[in-house]
Protein backbone atom coordinates (compact mmCIF):
# COMPACT_ATOMS: atom_id res chain seq x y z
CA UNK A 1 -0.23 0.26 0.10
CA UNK A 2 1.27 3.14 -0.49
CA UNK A 3 0.21 6.49 1.07
CA UNK A 4 -0.21 10.27 0.51
CA UNK A 5 0.34 12.61 3.30
CA UNK A 6 -0.75 17.02 3.15
CA UNK A 7 -0.30 18.91 5.74
CA UNK A 8 -2.55 22.26 4.89
CA UNK A 9 -1.45 25.84 7.49
CA UNK A 10 -3.43 28.79 7.29
CA UNK A 11 -7.33 27.37 6.86
CA UNK A 12 -9.22 30.81 7.39
CA UNK A 13 -12.29 28.17 7.51
CA UNK A 14 -11.81 24.65 8.66
CA UNK A 15 -15.31 23.82 9.19
CA UNK A 16 -16.36 25.20 5.63
CA UNK A 17 -13.03 23.44 4.36
CA UNK A 18 -13.85 19.81 5.71
CA UNK A 19 -17.66 20.29 4.21
CA UNK A 20 -16.00 21.44 0.47
CA UNK A 21 -13.43 18.50 1.29
CA UNK A 22 -16.32 15.43 2.33
CA UNK A 23 -18.86 17.01 -0.60
CA UNK A 24 -16.50 17.16 -2.77
CA UNK A 25 -13.21 15.65 -2.40
CA UNK A 26 -13.97 12.20 -0.95
CA UNK A 27 -16.37 10.95 -4.35
CA UNK A 28 -12.39 11.67 -6.28
CA UNK A 29 -10.85 10.07 -4.58
CA UNK A 30 -13.00 6.89 -4.29
CA UNK A 31 -12.73 6.40 -8.50
CA UNK A 32 -9.60 6.03 -7.88
CA UNK A 33 -8.16 2.60 -8.60
CA UNK A 34 -7.03 1.39 -5.61
CA UNK A 35 -8.58 3.50 -3.44
CA UNK A 36 -7.82 1.39 -0.03
CA UNK A 37 -9.15 4.78 2.93
CA UNK A 38 -8.84 9.10 2.77
CA UNK A 39 -9.39 11.21 6.51
CA UNK A 40 -8.69 15.22 6.59
CA UNK A 41 -7.93 16.22 10.40
CA UNK A 42 -8.55 19.23 11.69
CA UNK A 43 -5.27 19.56 14.08
CA UNK A 44 -6.20 22.25 15.02
CA UNK A 45 -4.81 26.07 15.00
CA UNK A 46 -5.58 26.33 11.68
CA UNK A 47 -3.65 22.75 10.38
CA UNK A 48 -5.53 20.47 8.62
CA UNK A 49 -3.62 16.94 6.87
CA UNK A 50 -5.16 14.48 4.77
CA UNK A 51 -3.82 11.31 4.39
CA UNK A 52 -5.02 9.21 0.86
CA UNK A 53 -4.38 5.68 0.96
CA UNK A 54 -4.23 3.32 -2.05
CA UNK A 55 -3.44 -0.49 -2.77
CA UNK A 56 -0.35 1.52 -5.11
CA UNK A 57 2.12 4.30 -5.78
CA UNK A 58 -0.27 5.16 -9.27
CA UNK A 59 -3.30 5.52 -7.16
CA UNK A 60 -1.28 7.94 -4.52
CA UNK A 61 0.19 10.37 -7.21
CA UNK A 62 -3.09 10.76 -8.83
CA UNK A 63 -4.33 11.98 -4.86
CA UNK A 64 -2.13 13.98 -4.67
CA UNK A 65 -2.91 16.07 -8.12
CA UNK A 66 -6.58 16.06 -7.93
CA UNK A 67 -5.98 17.25 -4.46
CA UNK A 68 -4.05 20.46 -6.37
CA UNK A 69 -6.57 20.56 -9.09
CA UNK A 70 -9.24 20.59 -6.78
CA UNK A 71 -8.01 23.32 -4.14
CA UNK A 72 -6.81 25.43 -7.28
CA UNK A 73 -10.77 25.05 -8.42
CA UNK A 74 -13.02 24.58 -5.16
CA UNK A 75 -10.55 25.86 -1.51
CA UNK A 76 -7.80 28.55 -2.80
CA UNK A 77 -9.32 31.01 -0.69
CA UNK A 78 -9.87 29.10 2.61
CA UNK A 79 -6.41 26.72 2.11
CA UNK A 80 -3.97 29.71 1.10
CA UNK A 81 -1.21 28.46 1.09
CA UNK A 82 0.33 25.21 -0.81
CA UNK A 83 0.38 22.24 0.82
CA UNK A 84 3.35 20.35 2.18
CA UNK A 85 3.16 16.74 0.38
CA UNK A 86 4.86 13.35 1.75
CA UNK A 87 4.63 10.27 -0.06
CA UNK A 88 5.14 6.71 0.11
CA UNK A 89 4.92 3.29 1.27
CA UNK A 90 3.18 2.41 3.72
CA UNK A 91 5.61 0.19 5.97
CA UNK A 92 3.69 -1.34 9.12
CA UNK A 93 -0.29 -0.41 9.53
CA UNK A 94 -2.54 -1.70 11.82
């Protein structure tokens, strides 16, 4: 399995960002081949973190591209800073 993690700082309205992600982005993630799970986390203090899990690297890479497009088209005013993106193979899970 592979995961992509994106950390967004300076989120201006966490509740609205969560609503838009849940209604618009989560369905897009479910369409990606190899989808396993998606989480959108409110870490507090204007920080939100997304975690996408896929069966293979191609799915994780596609999730990064789709996230960039979705943020640009739907969340730019709420997520004013580019995310810190990390991706890699899941080497332990529970």
